[in-house]
Amino acid sequence: MPKKQLTGTVVSDKMLKTVVVEVEHLKEHKKYRRRYKVHERYKAHDEKGEYHVGDKVIIEETRPISKDKHWRVVQKV
């Protein structure tokens, strides 16, 4: 089974080897059919500390690295 990949923006790089990536999705209301944005934040592993706030990145699902980290940064877009 292929690993899930998401594209988002780095919103925090203050931790060591970890960045917080915000991913934006469009959802549609069931009754009114209006689309709205939903934001989710993921903690992703960044071994070398090369990604900073504002970077658009691709994150990939991986084995649990810590309590909150289940994603790793693959590349900058």
Protein backbone atom coordinates (compact mmCIF):
# COMPACT_ATOMS: atom_id res chain seq x y z
CA MET A 1 0.00 0.00 0.00
CA PRO A 2 1.46 3.41 -0.97
CA LYS A 3 2.17 5.96 1.73
CA LYS A 4 -0.17 8.94 2.04
CA GLN A 5 1.31 12.28 0.94
CA LEU A 6 0.02 15.77 1.72
CA THR A 7 1.08 19.25 0.61
CA GLY A 8 1.14 22.10 3.10
CA THR A 9 2.92 25.14 4.49
CA VAL A 10 5.43 25.17 7.35
CA VAL A 11 3.98 27.34 10.15
CA SER A 12 6.54 26.62 12.90
CA ASP A 13 10.16 25.48 12.97
CA LYS A 14 11.02 26.24 16.62
CA MET A 15 11.49 22.60 17.68
CA LEU A 16 14.61 20.54 17.05
CA LYS A 17 14.18 18.15 14.09
CA THR A 18 10.44 18.92 13.91
CA VAL A 19 8.33 21.31 11.84
CA VAL A 20 4.61 21.98 12.05
CA VAL A 21 2.92 21.78 8.65
CA GLU A 22 -0.56 23.19 8.04
CA VAL A 23 -2.57 21.42 5.34
CA GLU A 24 -5.69 23.03 3.85
CA HIS A 25 -8.66 21.01 2.55
CA LEU A 26 -11.91 22.09 0.89
CA LYS A 27 -15.05 20.54 2.36
CA GLU A 28 -18.63 20.89 1.24
CA HIS A 29 -21.60 21.37 3.54
CA LYS A 30 -24.02 18.48 3.13
CA LYS A 31 -27.21 20.51 3.21
CA TYR A 32 -26.23 23.91 1.79
CA ARG A 33 -23.52 22.73 -0.65
CA ARG A 34 -21.26 25.64 0.31
CA ARG A 35 -17.55 24.90 0.20
CA TYR A 36 -15.34 25.95 3.09
CA LYS A 37 -11.70 25.56 4.06
CA VAL A 38 -10.54 23.24 6.83
CA HIS A 39 -6.99 23.52 8.22
CA GLU A 40 -5.16 20.62 9.87
CA ARG A 41 -1.73 20.79 11.51
CA TYR A 42 0.74 17.92 11.45
CA LYS A 43 4.10 17.61 13.20
CA ALA A 44 6.63 16.32 10.70
CA HIS A 45 10.20 15.07 11.10
CA ASP A 46 12.91 17.31 9.62
CA GLU A 47 16.27 15.68 10.36
CA LYS A 48 18.60 18.46 9.14
CA GLY A 49 16.46 21.50 10.03
CA GLU A 50 16.43 22.73 6.42
CA TYR A 51 12.76 23.79 6.22
CA HIS A 52 11.59 27.12 7.63
CA VAL A 53 8.36 29.09 8.14
CA GLY A 54 6.58 29.83 4.87
CA ASP A 55 8.03 26.93 2.87
CA LYS A 56 5.57 24.81 0.87
CA VAL A 57 6.47 21.17 1.50
CA ILE A 58 5.28 17.63 0.82
CA ILE A 59 4.95 15.39 3.89
CA GLU A 60 4.69 11.61 3.86
CA GLU A 61 3.18 9.18 6.34
CA THR A 62 5.74 7.09 8.24
CA ARG A 63 6.10 4.91 11.32
CA PRO A 64 5.57 6.69 14.66
CA ILE A 65 8.70 8.68 15.49
CA SER A 66 7.38 10.12 18.75
CA LYS A 67 4.06 10.64 20.54
CA ASP A 68 2.84 13.21 18.00
CA LYS A 69 5.06 12.66 14.96
CA HIS A 70 3.83 10.21 12.30
CA TRP A 71 4.91 12.23 9.25
CA ARG A 72 8.22 13.23 7.67
CA VAL A 73 9.07 16.01 5.24
CA VAL A 74 9.92 14.64 1.80
CA GLN A 75 10.73 17.75 -0.25
CA LYS A 76 10.16 21.44 -0.81
CA VAL A 77 7.67 22.37 -3.54
